[in-house]
Structure formats: structure tokens, C-alpha cells
Amino acid sequence: MIKQALKKYGSTRKAARVLGVDQSTIVRKSQKYNIAISEDFHKIYN
């Protein structure tokens, strides 16, 4: 579900808003389940 939201909405922040969770939850769960977050996301949020 997270992977699909990231692909569809293009950012962790937008995906989080649609899924009804915090952006940090998306990042944490992505790391936990080895869901790649593109370099573009890292530039924006780091």
C-alpha cells in the first residue's frame, strides 16, 4: 500500500496525507519493509 501510494503521489508527504498517517510513518515503514524511496524524496526531506 505504501509503495503504491509513493508511486502514485510522488512524495512521502502526499502519500502520507492520502493514507492518513504522518510523513515520518511512511519513511519509517519504507525502511522497515525495504521499500525504496527515490533520491528525489531524500533531497526534499533530508
PDB file of N, CA and C in Angstrom:
ATOM      1  N   MET A   1       0.829  -1.190   0.000  1.00  0.00           N
ATOM      2  CA  MET A   1       0.000   0.000   0.000  1.00  0.00           C
ATOM      3  C   MET A   1       0.878   1.261   0.000  1.00  0.00           C
ATOM      4  N   ILE A   2       1.939   1.273   0.817  1.00  0.00           N
ATOM      5  CA  ILE A   2       2.836   2.426   0.867  1.00  0.00           C
ATOM      6  C   ILE A   2       3.542   2.588  -0.469  1.00  0.00           C
ATOM      7  N   LYS A   3       4.032   1.497  -1.011  1.00  0.00           N
ATOM      8  CA  LYS A   3       4.757   1.547  -2.280  1.00  0.00           C
ATOM      9  C   LYS A   3       3.864   2.110  -3.389  1.00  0.00           C
ATOM     10  N   GLN A   4       2.624   1.673  -3.416  1.00  0.00           N
ATOM     11  CA  GLN A   4       1.685   2.155  -4.426  1.00  0.00           C
ATOM     12  C   GLN A   4       1.406   3.643  -4.257  1.00  0.00           C
ATOM     13  N   ALA A   5       1.243   4.080  -3.018  1.00  0.00           N
ATOM     14  CA  ALA A   5       0.971   5.493  -2.748  1.00  0.00           C
ATOM     15  C   ALA A   5       2.165   6.362  -3.127  1.00  0.00           C
ATOM     16  N   LEU A   6       3.378   5.890  -2.826  1.00  0.00           N
ATOM     17  CA  LEU A   6       4.573   6.647  -3.193  1.00  0.00           C
ATOM     18  C   LEU A   6       4.682   6.782  -4.705  1.00  0.00           C
ATOM     19  N   LYS A   7       4.413   5.699  -5.403  1.00  0.00           N
ATOM     20  CA  LYS A   7       4.489   5.725  -6.865  1.00  0.00           C
ATOM     21  C   LYS A   7       3.425   6.652  -7.449  1.00  0.00           C
ATOM     22  N   LYS A   8       2.228   6.580  -6.914  1.00  0.00           N
ATOM     23  CA  LYS A   8       1.113   7.365  -7.451  1.00  0.00           C
ATOM     24  C   LYS A   8       1.245   8.856  -7.129  1.00  0.00           C
ATOM     25  N   TYR A   9       1.621   9.189  -5.904  1.00  0.00           N
ATOM     26  CA  TYR A   9       1.610  10.587  -5.469  1.00  0.00           C
ATOM     27  C   TYR A   9       2.972  11.266  -5.520  1.00  0.00           C
ATOM     28  N   GLY A  10       4.049  10.486  -5.639  1.00  0.00           N
ATOM     29  CA  GLY A  10       5.352  11.050  -5.904  1.00  0.00           C
ATOM     30  C   GLY A  10       6.109  11.666  -4.743  1.00  0.00           C
ATOM     31  N   SER A  11       5.539  11.674  -3.553  1.00  0.00           N
ATOM     32  CA  SER A  11       6.275  12.180  -2.395  1.00  0.00           C
ATOM     33  C   SER A  11       5.764  11.502  -1.133  1.00  0.00           C
ATOM     34  N   THR A  12       6.643  11.452  -0.146  1.00  0.00           N
ATOM     35  CA  THR A  12       6.244  10.830   1.113  1.00  0.00           C
ATOM     36  C   THR A  12       5.172  11.658   1.801  1.00  0.00           C
ATOM     37  N   ARG A  13       5.248  12.950   1.655  1.00  0.00           N
ATOM     38  CA  ARG A  13       4.272  13.823   2.308  1.00  0.00           C
ATOM     39  C   ARG A  13       2.868  13.645   1.713  1.00  0.00           C
ATOM     40  N   LYS A  14       2.793  13.614   0.389  1.00  0.00           N
ATOM     41  CA  LYS A  14       1.485  13.421  -0.258  1.00  0.00           C
ATOM     42  C   LYS A  14       0.935  12.028   0.009  1.00  0.00           C
ATOM     43  N   ALA A  15       1.801  11.032  -0.048  1.00  0.00           N
ATOM     44  CA  ALA A  15       1.364   9.661   0.235  1.00  0.00           C
ATOM     45  C   ALA A  15       0.826   9.556   1.651  1.00  0.00           C
ATOM     46  N   ALA A  16       1.516  10.184   2.591  1.00  0.00           N
ATOM     47  CA  ALA A  16       1.076  10.153   3.985  1.00  0.00           C
ATOM     48  C   ALA A  16      -0.284  10.816   4.156  1.00  0.00           C
ATOM     49  N   ARG A  17      -0.476  11.944   3.510  1.00  0.00           N
ATOM     50  CA  ARG A  17      -1.753  12.656   3.618  1.00  0.00           C
ATOM     51  C   ARG A  17      -2.900  11.778   3.124  1.00  0.00           C
ATOM     52  N   VAL A  18      -2.694  11.123   1.990  1.00  0.00           N
ATOM     53  CA  VAL A  18      -3.733  10.266   1.411  1.00  0.00           C
ATOM     54  C   VAL A  18      -4.007   9.050   2.302  1.00  0.00           C
ATOM     55  N   LEU A  19      -2.946   8.499   2.881  1.00  0.00           N
ATOM     56  CA  LEU A  19      -3.102   7.312   3.731  1.00  0.00           C
ATOM     57  C   LEU A  19      -3.539   7.651   5.156  1.00  0.00           C
ATOM     58  N   GLY A  20      -3.520   8.935   5.501  1.00  0.00           N
ATOM     59  CA  GLY A  20      -3.971   9.351   6.826  1.00  0.00           C
ATOM     60  C   GLY A  20      -2.969   9.087   7.936  1.00  0.00           C
ATOM     61  N   VAL A  21      -1.668   9.145   7.592  1.00  0.00           N
ATOM     62  CA  VAL A  21      -0.614   8.938   8.583  1.00  0.00           C
ATOM     63  C   VAL A  21       0.398  10.075   8.488  1.00  0.00           C
ATOM     64  N   ASP A  22       1.321  10.135   9.464  1.00  0.00           N
ATOM     65  CA  ASP A  22       2.388  11.126   9.420  1.00  0.00           C
ATOM     66  C   ASP A  22       3.410  10.753   8.350  1.00  0.00           C
ATOM     67  N   GLN A  23       4.083  11.771   7.825  1.00  0.00           N
ATOM     68  CA  GLN A  23       5.127  11.554   6.831  1.00  0.00           C
ATOM     69  C   GLN A  23       6.239  10.685   7.401  1.00  0.00           C
ATOM     70  N   SER A  24       6.549  10.867   8.668  1.00  0.00           N
ATOM     71  CA  SER A  24       7.606  10.064   9.299  1.00  0.00           C
ATOM     72  C   SER A  24       7.234   8.577   9.336  1.00  0.00           C
ATOM     73  N   THR A  25       5.951   8.282   9.418  1.00  0.00           N
ATOM     74  CA  THR A  25       5.492   6.890   9.404  1.00  0.00           C
ATOM     75  C   THR A  25       5.779   6.257   8.047  1.00  0.00           C
ATOM     76  N   ILE A  26       5.557   7.005   6.981  1.00  0.00           N
ATOM     77  CA  ILE A  26       5.843   6.499   5.639  1.00  0.00           C
ATOM     78  C   ILE A  26       7.331   6.189   5.511  1.00  0.00           C
ATOM     79  N   VAL A  27       8.176   7.104   5.966  1.00  0.00           N
ATOM     80  CA  VAL A  27       9.620   6.901   5.879  1.00  0.00           C
ATOM     81  C   VAL A  27      10.041   5.695   6.722  1.00  0.00           C
ATOM     82  N   ARG A  28       9.551   5.612   7.941  1.00  0.00           N
ATOM     83  CA  ARG A  28       9.913   4.520   8.851  1.00  0.00           C
ATOM     84  C   ARG A  28       9.469   3.163   8.303  1.00  0.00           C
ATOM     85  N   LYS A  29       8.234   3.077   7.837  1.00  0.00           N
ATOM     86  CA  LYS A  29       7.722   1.807   7.300  1.00  0.00           C
ATOM     87  C   LYS A  29       8.438   1.438   6.001  1.00  0.00           C
ATOM     88  N   SER A  30       8.791   2.431   5.203  1.00  0.00           N
ATOM     89  CA  SER A  30       9.540   2.169   3.973  1.00  0.00           C
ATOM     90  C   SER A  30      10.882   1.535   4.301  1.00  0.00           C
ATOM     91  N   GLN A  31      11.535   2.051   5.329  1.00  0.00           N
ATOM     92  CA  GLN A  31      12.816   1.484   5.752  1.00  0.00           C
ATOM     93  C   GLN A  31      12.627   0.081   6.312  1.00  0.00           C
ATOM     94  N   LYS A  32      11.606  -0.094   7.118  1.00  0.00           N
ATOM     95  CA  LYS A  32      11.357  -1.392   7.752  1.00  0.00           C
ATOM     96  C   LYS A  32      11.093  -2.488   6.715  1.00  0.00           C
ATOM     97  N   TYR A  33      10.320  -2.144   5.675  1.00  0.00           N
ATOM     98  CA  TYR A  33       9.933  -3.132   4.676  1.00  0.00           C
ATOM     99  C   TYR A  33      10.741  -3.030   3.386  1.00  0.00           C
ATOM    100  N   ASN A  34      11.873  -2.321   3.459  1.00  0.00           N
ATOM    101  CA  ASN A  34      12.779  -2.184   2.309  1.00  0.00           C
ATOM    102  C   ASN A  34      12.084  -1.659   1.055  1.00  0.00           C
ATOM    103  N   ILE A  35      11.242  -0.670   1.235  1.00  0.00           N
ATOM    104  CA  ILE A  35      10.599  -0.003   0.105  1.00  0.00           C
ATOM    105  C   ILE A  35      11.483   1.173  -0.272  1.00  0.00           C
ATOM    106  N   ALA A  36      11.984   1.135  -1.493  1.00  0.00           N
ATOM    107  CA  ALA A  36      12.905   2.182  -1.936  1.00  0.00           C
ATOM    108  C   ALA A  36      12.178   3.509  -2.069  1.00  0.00           C
ATOM    109  N   ILE A  37      12.803   4.530  -1.514  1.00  0.00           N
ATOM    110  CA  ILE A  37      12.335   5.896  -1.708  1.00  0.00           C
ATOM    111  C   ILE A  37      13.351   6.539  -2.629  1.00  0.00           C
ATOM    112  N   SER A  38      12.901   7.088  -3.735  1.00  0.00           N
ATOM    113  CA  SER A  38      13.828   7.614  -4.733  1.00  0.00           C
ATOM    114  C   SER A  38      14.702   8.725  -4.173  1.00  0.00           C
ATOM    115  N   GLU A  39      15.783   9.013  -4.875  1.00  0.00           N
ATOM    116  CA  GLU A  39      16.709  10.071  -4.475  1.00  0.00           C
ATOM    117  C   GLU A  39      16.002  11.415  -4.389  1.00  0.00           C
ATOM    118  N   ASP A  40      14.997  11.639  -5.210  1.00  0.00           N
ATOM    119  CA  ASP A  40      14.258  12.902  -5.179  1.00  0.00           C
ATOM    120  C   ASP A  40      13.624  13.126  -3.815  1.00  0.00           C
ATOM    121  N   PHE A  41      13.093  12.080  -3.201  1.00  0.00           N
ATOM    122  CA  PHE A  41      12.499  12.213  -1.875  1.00  0.00           C
ATOM    123  C   PHE A  41      13.552  12.586  -0.850  1.00  0.00           C
ATOM    124  N   HIS A  42      14.745  11.966  -0.944  1.00  0.00           N
ATOM    125  CA  HIS A  42      15.809  12.255   0.010  1.00  0.00           C
ATOM    126  C   HIS A  42      16.276  13.699  -0.097  1.00  0.00           C
ATOM    127  N   LYS A  43      16.316  14.232  -1.302  1.00  0.00           N
ATOM    128  CA  LYS A  43      16.731  15.627  -1.480  1.00  0.00           C
ATOM    129  C   LYS A  43      15.730  16.582  -0.846  1.00  0.00           C
ATOM    130  N   ILE A  44      14.461  16.239  -0.940  1.00  0.00           N
ATOM    131  CA  ILE A  44      13.407  17.100  -0.412  1.00  0.00           C
ATOM    132  C   ILE A  44      13.353  17.038   1.110  1.00  0.00           C
ATOM    133  N   TYR A  45      13.466  15.846   1.680  1.00  0.00           N
ATOM    134  CA  TYR A  45      13.203  15.674   3.098  1.00  0.00           C
ATOM    135  C   TYR A  45      14.447  15.535   3.968  1.00  0.00           C
ATOM    136  N   ASN A  46      15.636  15.555   3.402  1.00  0.00           N
ATOM    137  CA  ASN A  46      16.854  15.470   4.217  1.00  0.00           C
ATOM    138  C   ASN A  46      17.684  16.708   4.055  1.00  0.00           C
TER     139      ASN A  46
END
